[in-house]
C-alpha atoms as a PDB file:
ATOM      1  CA  MET A   1     132.437  67.221  84.594  1.00  0.00           C
ATOM      2  CA  THR A   2     130.312  67.291  87.311  1.00  0.00           C
ATOM      3  CA  ILE A   3     129.569  64.277  90.181  1.00  0.00           C
ATOM      4  CA  LEU A   4     126.428  65.175  92.423  1.00  0.00           C
ATOM      5  CA  VAL A   5     126.303  63.471  95.719  1.00  0.00           C
ATOM      6  CA  THR A   6     123.356  62.736  97.298  1.00  0.00           C
ATOM      7  CA  GLY A   7     122.769  62.489 101.327  1.00  0.00           C
ATOM      8  CA  ALA A   8     125.517  65.255 101.111  1.00  0.00           C
ATOM      9  CA  THR A   9     124.807  66.393 104.931  1.00  0.00           C
ATOM     10  CA  GLY A  10     125.021  62.447 106.247  1.00  0.00           C
ATOM     11  CA  ASN A  11     128.292  60.860 107.824  1.00  0.00           C
ATOM     12  CA  ILE A  12     128.951  59.202 104.306  1.00  0.00           C
ATOM     13  CA  GLY A  13     128.106  61.460 102.355  1.00  0.00           C
ATOM     14  CA  GLY A  14     129.865  64.586 103.641  1.00  0.00           C
ATOM     15  CA  GLN A  15     132.976  62.553 103.886  1.00  0.00           C
ATOM     16  CA  VAL A  16     132.693  61.456 100.372  1.00  0.00           C
ATOM     17  CA  ILE A  17     132.776  65.015  98.974  1.00  0.00           C
ATOM     18  CA  GLN A  18     135.523  66.009 101.210  1.00  0.00           C
ATOM     19  CA  HIS A  19     137.095  63.080  99.605  1.00  0.00           C
ATOM     20  CA  LEU A  20     136.571  64.080  96.263  1.00  0.00           C
ATOM     21  CA  VAL A  21     137.521  68.178  96.293  1.00  0.00           C
ATOM     22  CA  ASP A  22     140.776  66.711  97.682  1.00  0.00           C
ATOM     23  CA  ARG A  23     141.332  64.849  94.921  1.00  0.00           C
ATOM     24  CA  GLY A  24     140.298  67.993  92.822  1.00  0.00           C
ATOM     25  CA  ALA A  25     136.841  66.881  91.920  1.00  0.00           C
ATOM     26  CA  ASP A  26     133.907  69.170  90.524  1.00  0.00           C
ATOM     27  CA  VAL A  27     130.930  68.673  93.104  1.00  0.00           C
ATOM     28  CA  ARG A  28     127.694  69.503  93.442  1.00  0.00           C
ATOM     29  CA  ALA A  29     125.739  68.518  96.738  1.00  0.00           C
ATOM     30  CA  LEU A  30     122.330  67.982  96.913  1.00  0.00           C
ATOM     31  CA  VAL A  31     120.594  69.083 100.134  1.00  0.00           C
ATOM     32  CA  ARG A  32     117.027  70.034 101.623  1.00  0.00           C
ATOM     33  CA  ASP A  33     117.689  73.332 103.425  1.00  0.00           C
ATOM     34  CA  PRO A  34     120.867  74.968 101.622  1.00  0.00           C
ATOM     35  CA  SER A  35     121.082  76.988 105.104  1.00  0.00           C
ATOM     36  CA  LYS A  36     122.363  74.168 107.160  1.00  0.00           C
ATOM     37  CA  ALA A  37     124.959  72.870 104.410  1.00  0.00           C
ATOM     38  CA  ASN A  38     128.736  73.202 105.510  1.00  0.00           C
ATOM     39  CA  PHE A  39     131.241  72.109 102.598  1.00  0.00           C
ATOM     40  CA  PRO A  40     134.311  72.759 101.615  1.00  0.00           C
ATOM     41  CA  ALA A  41     134.727  75.694  99.615  1.00  0.00           C
ATOM     42  CA  GLY A  42     133.847  74.888  95.684  1.00  0.00           C
ATOM     43  CA  VAL A  43     131.331  72.793  96.506  1.00  0.00           C
ATOM     44  CA  THR A  44     128.002  73.765  94.686  1.00  0.00           C
ATOM     45  CA  VAL A  45     124.985  73.421  96.515  1.00  0.00           C
ATOM     46  CA  ALA A  46     121.690  72.591  94.871  1.00  0.00           C
ATOM     47  CA  LYS A  47     118.451  72.887  96.798  1.00  0.00           C
ATOM     48  CA  GLY A  48     116.460  69.660  96.570  1.00  0.00           C
ATOM     49  CA  ASP A  49     114.376  66.804  97.458  1.00  0.00           C
ATOM     50  CA  PHE A  50     114.346  62.920  96.703  1.00  0.00           C
ATOM     51  CA  LEU A  51     110.675  63.017  95.762  1.00  0.00           C
ATOM     52  CA  ASP A  52     110.887  66.625  94.621  1.00  0.00           C
ATOM     53  CA  VAL A  53     110.830  66.028  90.379  1.00  0.00           C
ATOM     54  CA  ASP A  54     111.655  69.770  89.682  1.00  0.00           C
ATOM     55  CA  SER A  55     114.089  70.163  92.031  1.00  0.00           C
ATOM     56  CA  LEU A  56     116.016  66.979  91.163  1.00  0.00           C
ATOM     57  CA  CYS A  57     115.840  67.788  87.301  1.00  0.00           C
ATOM     58  CA  ALA A  58     117.513  70.817  88.254  1.00  0.00           C
ATOM     59  CA  ALA A  59     120.554  69.310  90.456  1.00  0.00           C
ATOM     60  CA  VAL A  60     121.105  66.704  87.621  1.00  0.00           C
ATOM     61  CA  ASP A  61     121.938  69.083  84.785  1.00  0.00           C
ATOM     62  CA  GLY A  62     125.281  69.194  83.540  1.00  0.00           C
ATOM     63  CA  VAL A  63     126.169  66.441  85.951  1.00  0.00           C
ATOM     64  CA  SER A  64     128.351  63.525  84.456  1.00  0.00           C
ATOM     65  CA  THR A  65     128.191  61.145  87.533  1.00  0.00           C
ATOM     66  CA  LEU A  66     125.944  60.563  90.277  1.00  0.00           C
ATOM     67  CA  PHE A  67     126.620  59.205  93.865  1.00  0.00           C
ATOM     68  CA  LEU A  68     123.020  58.086  94.993  1.00  0.00           C
ATOM     69  CA  LEU A  69     122.445  57.380  98.834  1.00  0.00           C
ATOM     70  CA  ASN A  70     119.114  57.306 100.080  1.00  0.00           C
ATOM     71  CA  ALA A  71     118.383  56.944 104.248  1.00  0.00           C
ATOM     72  CA  VAL A  72     116.086  54.443 105.322  1.00  0.00           C
ATOM     73  CA  ALA A  73     112.321  55.801 105.116  1.00  0.00           C
ATOM     74  CA  PRO A  74     109.216  54.110 104.003  1.00  0.00           C
ATOM     75  CA  ASP A  75     109.430  55.708 100.711  1.00  0.00           C
ATOM     76  CA  GLU A  76     113.339  54.755 100.225  1.00  0.00           C
ATOM     77  CA  PHE A  77     112.216  52.170  97.165  1.00  0.00           C
ATOM     78  CA  THR A  78     110.194  55.485  95.117  1.00  0.00           C
ATOM     79  CA  GLN A  79     113.040  58.011  96.330  1.00  0.00           C
ATOM     80  CA  ALA A  80     115.494  55.814  94.446  1.00  0.00           C
ATOM     81  CA  LEU A  81     113.445  55.064  91.366  1.00  0.00           C
ATOM     82  CA  ILE A  82     112.332  58.481  90.742  1.00  0.00           C
ATOM     83  CA  THR A  83     116.148  59.705  91.120  1.00  0.00           C
ATOM     84  CA  LEU A  84     117.355  57.239  88.858  1.00  0.00           C
ATOM     85  CA  ASN A  85     114.789  57.708  86.403  1.00  0.00           C
ATOM     86  CA  VAL A  86     115.905  61.284  86.286  1.00  0.00           C
ATOM     87  CA  ALA A  87     119.106  60.586  85.965  1.00  0.00           C
ATOM     88  CA  ARG A  88     118.693  58.664  83.131  1.00  0.00           C
ATOM     89  CA  ALA A  89     116.582  61.347  81.339  1.00  0.00           C
ATOM     90  CA  ALA A  90     119.389  63.403  81.865  1.00  0.00           C
ATOM     91  CA  GLY A  91     121.898  61.400  80.300  1.00  0.00           C
ATOM     92  CA  ILE A  92     123.623  60.041  83.083  1.00  0.00           C
ATOM     93  CA  ASP A  93     125.075  56.666  83.021  1.00  0.00           C
ATOM     94  CA  ARG A  94     127.979  56.964  85.476  1.00  0.00           C
ATOM     95  CA  ILE A  95     126.550  55.709  88.801  1.00  0.00           C
ATOM     96  CA  VAL A  96     127.855  54.727  92.362  1.00  0.00           C
ATOM     97  CA  TYR A  97     125.263  53.374  94.796  1.00  0.00           C
ATOM     98  CA  LEU A  98     125.257  53.127  98.111  1.00  0.00           C
ATOM     99  CA  SER A  99     123.305  49.551  98.899  1.00  0.00           C
ATOM    100  CA  VAL A 100     123.933  47.157 101.561  1.00  0.00           C
ATOM    101  CA  ILE A 101     125.460  43.192 101.526  1.00  0.00           C
ATOM    102  CA  HIS A 102     123.909  40.355 100.987  1.00  0.00           C
ATOM    103  CA  PRO A 103     120.069  42.016 100.257  1.00  0.00           C
ATOM    104  CA  ASP A 104     119.315  38.866  98.474  1.00  0.00           C
ATOM    105  CA  ILE A 105     119.688  36.948 101.133  1.00  0.00           C
ATOM    106  CA  TYR A 106     117.640  39.325 103.526  1.00  0.00           C
ATOM    107  CA  VAL A 107     115.114  39.249 101.552  1.00  0.00           C
ATOM    108  CA  ASN A 108     112.604  39.750 104.680  1.00  0.00           C
ATOM    109  CA  VAL A 109     114.095  42.733 105.650  1.00  0.00           C
ATOM    110  CA  PRO A 110     112.339  46.098 104.336  1.00  0.00           C
ATOM    111  CA  HIS A 111     115.309  48.501 103.718  1.00  0.00           C
ATOM    112  CA  PHE A 112     117.337  45.439 102.171  1.00  0.00           C
ATOM    113  CA  ALA A 113     115.071  44.394  99.718  1.00  0.00           C
ATOM    114  CA  GLY A 114     114.230  47.814  99.116  1.00  0.00           C
ATOM    115  CA  LYS A 115     118.188  47.952  98.058  1.00  0.00           C
ATOM    116  CA  PHE A 116     118.033  45.004  96.390  1.00  0.00           C
ATOM    117  CA  GLY A 117     115.182  46.456  94.041  1.00  0.00           C
ATOM    118  CA  VAL A 118     117.121  49.524  93.580  1.00  0.00           C
ATOM    119  CA  GLU A 119     120.361  47.252  92.485  1.00  0.00           C
ATOM    120  CA  ARG A 120     117.452  45.444  89.832  1.00  0.00           C
ATOM    121  CA  MET A 121     116.422  48.504  89.018  1.00  0.00           C
ATOM    122  CA  ILE A 122     120.292  49.580  87.937  1.00  0.00           C
ATOM    123  CA  GLU A 123     121.112  46.430  86.147  1.00  0.00           C
ATOM    124  CA  HIS A 124     118.372  46.452  84.092  1.00  0.00           C
ATOM    125  CA  MET A 125     118.025  49.915  83.073  1.00  0.00           C
ATOM    126  CA  GLY A 126     121.639  49.189  81.797  1.00  0.00           C
ATOM    127  CA  PHE A 127     123.357  51.809  83.842  1.00  0.00           C
ATOM    128  CA  ASN A 128     127.077  52.058  84.324  1.00  0.00           C
ATOM    129  CA  ALA A 129     127.335  51.879  87.806  1.00  0.00           C
ATOM    130  CA  THR A 130     129.544  50.926  90.857  1.00  0.00           C
ATOM    131  CA  ILE A 131     127.134  49.232  93.579  1.00  0.00           C
ATOM    132  CA  LEU A 132     128.640  48.903  96.950  1.00  0.00           C
ATOM    133  CA  ARG A 133     126.942  46.866  99.535  1.00  0.00           C
ATOM    134  CA  PRO A 134     128.628  47.661 102.917  1.00  0.00           C
ATOM    135  CA  ALA A 135     128.145  45.336 105.863  1.00  0.00           C
ATOM    136  CA  TYR A 136     127.278  46.514 109.410  1.00  0.00           C
ATOM    137  CA  PHE A 137     128.816  50.311 109.867  1.00  0.00           C
ATOM    138  CA  ILE A 138     131.294  49.917 112.799  1.00  0.00           C
ATOM    139  CA  GLN A 139     129.593  53.957 113.945  1.00  0.00           C
ATOM    140  CA  ASN A 140     126.312  52.273 114.674  1.00  0.00           C
ATOM    141  CA  ASP A 141     127.521  51.207 117.778  1.00  0.00           C
ATOM    142  CA  LEU A 142     128.157  54.868 119.146  1.00  0.00           C
ATOM    143  CA  THR A 143     124.343  54.493 119.782  1.00  0.00           C
ATOM    144  CA  ILE A 144     124.943  51.961 122.717  1.00  0.00           C
ATOM    145  CA  LYS A 145     128.421  53.289 123.645  1.00  0.00           C
ATOM    146  CA  ASP A 146     126.656  54.444 127.045  1.00  0.00           C
ATOM    147  CA  VAL A 147     124.814  51.156 127.641  1.00  0.00           C
ATOM    148  CA  ILE A 148     128.418  48.916 127.290  1.00  0.00           C
ATOM    149  CA  THR A 149     130.027  51.561 129.497  1.00  0.00           C
ATOM    150  CA  GLY A 150     127.345  52.273 131.793  1.00  0.00           C
ATOM    151  CA  TYR A 151     125.537  48.622 132.226  1.00  0.00           C
ATOM    152  CA  GLY A 152     128.512  46.304 131.258  1.00  0.00           C
ATOM    153  CA  VAL A 153     126.935  44.839 128.253  1.00  0.00           C
ATOM    154  CA  TYR A 154     126.908  44.854 124.431  1.00  0.00           C
ATOM    155  CA  PRO A 155     123.240  44.584 123.587  1.00  0.00           C
ATOM    156  CA  MET A 156     123.273  44.177 119.690  1.00  0.00           C
ATOM    157  CA  PRO A 157     122.140  41.074 118.327  1.00  0.00           C
ATOM    158  CA  VAL A 158     125.257  40.072 116.627  1.00  0.00           C
ATOM    159  CA  GLY A 159     125.279  36.664 117.315  1.00  0.00           C
ATOM    160  CA  THR A 160     127.588  33.660 116.747  1.00  0.00           C
ATOM    161  CA  LYS A 161     127.435  33.529 112.821  1.00  0.00           C
ATOM    162  CA  GLY A 162     129.681  37.351 113.122  1.00  0.00           C
ATOM    163  CA  LEU A 163     129.606  40.238 111.224  1.00  0.00           C
ATOM    164  CA  ALA A 164     132.377  41.820 108.938  1.00  0.00           C
ATOM    165  CA  MET A 165     131.682  44.915 110.367  1.00  0.00           C
ATOM    166  CA  ILE A 166     133.016  48.073 108.216  1.00  0.00           C
ATOM    167  CA  ASP A 167     133.714  51.759 109.403  1.00  0.00           C
ATOM    168  CA  VAL A 168     131.740  54.381 107.864  1.00  0.00           C
ATOM    169  CA  ARG A 169     135.426  56.434 106.769  1.00  0.00           C
ATOM    170  CA  ASP A 170     136.421  53.615 104.985  1.00  0.00           C
ATOM    171  CA  ILE A 171     133.218  53.504 103.140  1.00  0.00           C
ATOM    172  CA  ALA A 172     133.252  57.080 101.889  1.00  0.00           C
ATOM    173  CA  GLU A 173     136.413  56.604 101.093  1.00  0.00           C
ATOM    174  CA  ILE A 174     136.091  54.008  98.671  1.00  0.00           C
ATOM    175  CA  ALA A 175     132.728  55.463  97.402  1.00  0.00           C
ATOM    176  CA  ALA A 176     134.809  58.986  96.529  1.00  0.00           C
ATOM    177  CA  LEU A 177     137.575  56.330  94.667  1.00  0.00           C
ATOM    178  CA  GLU A 178     135.045  54.683  92.420  1.00  0.00           C
ATOM    179  CA  LEU A 179     133.251  57.964  91.614  1.00  0.00           C
ATOM    180  CA  LEU A 180     136.783  59.326  90.664  1.00  0.00           C
ATOM    181  CA  ARG A 181     137.627  56.027  89.087  1.00  0.00           C
ATOM    182  CA  ARG A 182     134.443  56.195  86.748  1.00  0.00           C
ATOM    183  CA  GLU A 183     134.217  59.925  86.549  1.00  0.00           C
ATOM    184  CA  GLN A 184     137.779  59.776  84.711  1.00  0.00           C
ATOM    185  CA  ALA A 185     137.160  56.613  82.402  1.00  0.00           C
ATOM    186  CA  ALA A 186     137.075  57.753  78.716  1.00  0.00           C
ATOM    187  CA  GLN A 187     134.787  55.316  78.194  1.00  0.00           C
ATOM    188  CA  PRO A 188     131.946  54.331  80.615  1.00  0.00           C
ATOM    189  CA  LEU A 189     133.181  51.240  82.851  1.00  0.00           C
ATOM    190  CA  PRO A 190     130.861  48.057  82.970  1.00  0.00           C
ATOM    191  CA  LEU A 191     128.340  47.208  86.063  1.00  0.00           C
ATOM    192  CA  THR A 192     130.388  46.046  88.905  1.00  0.00           C
ATOM    193  CA  ARG A 193     129.539  45.214  92.981  1.00  0.00           C
ATOM    194  CA  ILE A 194     131.641  45.260  95.466  1.00  0.00           C
ATOM    195  CA  ASN A 195     131.352  44.064  98.800  1.00  0.00           C
ATOM    196  CA  LEU A 196     132.479  46.712 101.691  1.00  0.00           C
ATOM    197  CA  VAL A 197     133.618  44.588 104.646  1.00  0.00           C
ATOM    198  CA  GLY A 198     136.045  45.480 107.535  1.00  0.00           C
ATOM    199  CA  PRO A 199     139.352  43.092 108.248  1.00  0.00           C
ATOM    200  CA  ASP A 200     137.476  40.896 110.923  1.00  0.00           C
ATOM    201  CA  THR A 201     134.379  39.115 111.154  1.00  0.00           C
ATOM    202  CA  LEU A 202     133.220  39.461 114.966  1.00  0.00           C
ATOM    203  CA  THR A 203     130.460  37.662 116.611  1.00  0.00           C
ATOM    204  CA  GLY A 204     128.647  39.107 119.760  1.00  0.00           C
ATOM    205  CA  THR A 205     131.273  37.586 122.364  1.00  0.00           C
ATOM    206  CA  ASP A 206     134.018  38.836 120.254  1.00  0.00           C
ATOM    207  CA  ILE A 207     132.604  41.895 120.339  1.00  0.00           C
ATOM    208  CA  ALA A 208     132.370  42.031 124.145  1.00  0.00           C
ATOM    209  CA  ALA A 209     135.568  40.816 124.445  1.00  0.00           C
ATOM    210  CA  ILE A 210     137.204  43.969 122.324  1.00  0.00           C
ATOM    211  CA  TRP A 211     135.107  46.350 124.971  1.00  0.00           C
ATOM    212  CA  SER A 212     136.456  44.289 128.129  1.00  0.00           C
ATOM    213  CA  ASP A 213     140.270  44.710 127.136  1.00  0.00           C
ATOM    214  CA  VAL A 214     139.499  48.011 126.106  1.00  0.00           C
ATOM    215  CA  LEU A 215     137.994  49.425 128.748  1.00  0.00           C
ATOM    216  CA  ALA A 216     139.930  46.880 131.263  1.00  0.00           C
ATOM    217  CA  ARG A 217     136.590  45.367 132.895  1.00  0.00           C
ATOM    218  CA  GLN A 218     134.296  42.653 131.777  1.00  0.00           C
ATOM    219  CA  ILE A 219     131.909  43.674 129.488  1.00  0.00           C
ATOM    220  CA  ASN A 220     129.397  40.970 128.814  1.00  0.00           C
ATOM    221  CA  TYR A 221     127.449  39.821 125.542  1.00  0.00           C
ATOM    222  CA  GLY A 222     123.681  40.415 126.327  1.00  0.00           C
ATOM    223  CA  GLY A 223     122.020  40.062 122.904  1.00  0.00           C
ATOM    224  CA  GLY A 224     120.062  37.831 121.104  1.00  0.00           C
ATOM    225  CA  ASP A 225     116.855  38.687 122.382  1.00  0.00           C
ATOM    226  CA  THR A 226     115.843  40.389 118.755  1.00  0.00           C
ATOM    227  CA  ALA A 227     111.994  41.245 120.769  1.00  0.00           C
ATOM    228  CA  ALA A 228     113.715  43.283 123.484  1.00  0.00           C
ATOM    229  CA  PHE A 229     115.985  44.849 121.137  1.00  0.00           C
ATOM    230  CA  GLU A 230     112.990  46.185 118.574  1.00  0.00           C
ATOM    231  CA  GLN A 231     111.008  47.677 122.238  1.00  0.00           C
ATOM    232  CA  ASN A 232     114.361  49.630 122.774  1.00  0.00           C
ATOM    233  CA  LEU A 233     114.399  51.109 119.471  1.00  0.00           C
ATOM    234  CA  ARG A 234     110.874  52.277 119.640  1.00  0.00           C
ATOM    235  CA  GLN A 235     112.007  54.652 122.520  1.00  0.00           C
ATOM    236  CA  PHE A 236     114.118  56.630 120.022  1.00  0.00           C
ATOM    237  CA  MET A 237     112.718  55.458 116.624  1.00  0.00           C
ATOM    238  CA  PRO A 238     109.426  54.817 114.374  1.00  0.00           C
ATOM    239  CA  THR A 239     108.019  51.508 115.254  1.00  0.00           C
ATOM    240  CA  TRP A 240     108.157  50.706 111.328  1.00  0.00           C
ATOM    241  CA  MET A 241     111.884  51.247 111.695  1.00  0.00           C
ATOM    242  CA  ALA A 242     112.106  49.477 114.751  1.00  0.00           C
ATOM    243  CA  TYR A 243     111.024  46.692 113.374  1.00  0.00           C
ATOM    244  CA  ASP A 244     112.856  46.550 110.283  1.00  0.00           C
ATOM    245  CA  MET A 245     116.062  46.578 112.562  1.00  0.00           C
ATOM    246  CA  ARG A 246     114.836  43.914 114.258  1.00  0.00           C
ATOM    247  CA  MET A 247     113.904  41.788 110.956  1.00  0.00           C
ATOM    248  CA  MET A 248     117.790  42.600 110.616  1.00  0.00           C
ATOM    249  CA  GLY A 249     118.789  41.822 114.040  1.00  0.00           C
ATOM    250  CA  GLU A 250     116.885  37.987 113.256  1.00  0.00           C
ATOM    251  CA  ARG A 251     118.927  37.615 109.954  1.00  0.00           C
ATOM    252  CA  PHE A 252     122.396  38.567 111.951  1.00  0.00           C
ATOM    253  CA  LEU A 253     121.540  35.379 114.078  1.00  0.00           C
ATOM    254  CA  THR A 254     120.761  33.304 111.154  1.00  0.00           C
ATOM    255  CA  ASP A 255     123.104  33.866 108.747  1.00  0.00           C
ATOM    256  CA  GLY A 256     125.526  36.622 109.820  1.00  0.00           C
ATOM    257  CA  MET A 257     127.289  39.136 107.150  1.00  0.00           C
ATOM    258  CA  LEU A 258     130.344  37.103 106.166  1.00  0.00           C
ATOM    259  CA  PRO A 259     132.580  38.603 103.631  1.00  0.00           C
ATOM    260  CA  GLU A 260     133.173  36.429 100.231  1.00  0.00           C
ATOM    261  CA  GLY A 261     136.686  34.979  99.591  1.00  0.00           C
ATOM    262  CA  GLY A 262     138.991  38.216  98.545  1.00  0.00           C
ATOM    263  CA  ASP A 263     136.718  40.655  99.757  1.00  0.00           C
ATOM    264  CA  VAL A 264     139.309  42.144 102.082  1.00  0.00           C
ATOM    265  CA  GLU A 265     142.315  41.814  99.303  1.00  0.00           C
ATOM    266  CA  ARG A 266     140.496  43.745  97.306  1.00  0.00           C
ATOM    267  CA  LEU A 267     139.543  46.645  99.560  1.00  0.00           C
ATOM    268  CA  THR A 268     142.667  47.060 100.952  1.00  0.00           C
ATOM    269  CA  THR A 269     144.063  47.137  97.396  1.00  0.00           C
ATOM    270  CA  LEU A 270     142.175  49.393  96.860  1.00  0.00           C
ATOM    271  CA  LEU A 271     142.852  51.679  99.702  1.00  0.00           C
ATOM    272  CA  GLY A 272     146.066  51.138  99.471  1.00  0.00           C
ATOM    273  CA  ARG A 273     146.359  50.463 103.251  1.00  0.00           C
ATOM    274  CA  PRO A 274     145.040  48.282 105.784  1.00  0.00           C
ATOM    275  CA  LEU A 275     141.131  48.769 106.719  1.00  0.00           C
ATOM    276  CA  ARG A 276     140.212  50.124 110.061  1.00  0.00           C
ATOM    277  CA  SER A 277     139.236  47.088 112.746  1.00  0.00           C
ATOM    278  CA  TYR A 278     136.490  47.771 115.519  1.00  0.00           C
ATOM    279  CA  ARG A 279     139.062  47.351 118.254  1.00  0.00           C
ATOM    280  CA  ASP A 280     140.799  50.795 116.781  1.00  0.00           C
ATOM    281  CA  PHE A 281     137.160  52.111 116.760  1.00  0.00           C
ATOM    282  CA  ALA A 282     136.682  50.597 120.590  1.00  0.00           C
ATOM    283  CA  SER A 283     139.904  52.177 121.322  1.00  0.00           C
ATOM    284  CA  GLN A 284     139.066  55.797 119.974  1.00  0.00           C
ATOM    285  CA  THR A 285     135.870  56.019 121.044  1.00  0.00           C
ATOM    286  CA  VAL A 286     136.980  55.174 124.615  1.00  0.00           C
ATOM    287  CA  ALA A 287     140.088  57.529 124.392  1.00  0.00           C
ATOM    288  CA  ALA A 288     137.900  60.733 123.357  1.00  0.00           C
ATOM    289  CA  ALA A 289     135.306  60.467 126.337  1.00  0.00           C
END
């Protein structure tokens, strides 16, 4: 009984693997370049790519459970559909898929719409799966740490509706627990969706206030201009991705990323501990600087 982890060299995938190994699971990691792989002892490395069908077929051979994580890319939807078809042909029906929260609401955001399409495929093809729907990753804000500390501004277009931001460490642990739950079940478990949220729903002003407390100086919320946000992103990412992120930011402003009733309690019970907070993240980031 083997669990295949895709996205294995990324931040979440790597942590998922560590959690699985710590709990005694047999793990295989799908990677493009094995020479760059650095996994715990006992992890089998499978060289492959989502668009290389032959390598995928080899990677899923003998696998019982699949963790599907594919990064935002122009062909993300195609990558996921090919992988699911290959998995189905190999007899794999125990899946944990990392989607995104509210993909049915953020319908005009390309990578949200793509993930919603993947969810529909999982459901309509009869896979027994856990669909994890994370809100905004807290660690995304590491990319703007220098702006916050250097200019005294929190620049993300979070708005006034609020985002239920979640720590990626909590995402990885929950994913590993769901993989093990499905892997160890005597019979395949029915499809379920789980919103992954943090303990607090924060507005842009709330987040700026947290940074003000942690840094002991005034930090202002400067978000809301999504056009300027897109232009800043264009300095270090492709234009299509910057535009995708702008569309996401606009939905932050109009809809927020709000938890549903019972989400926090469900995750706290699943983890057996409190969820990590944004304030914890900010404090740890400052302490590590």
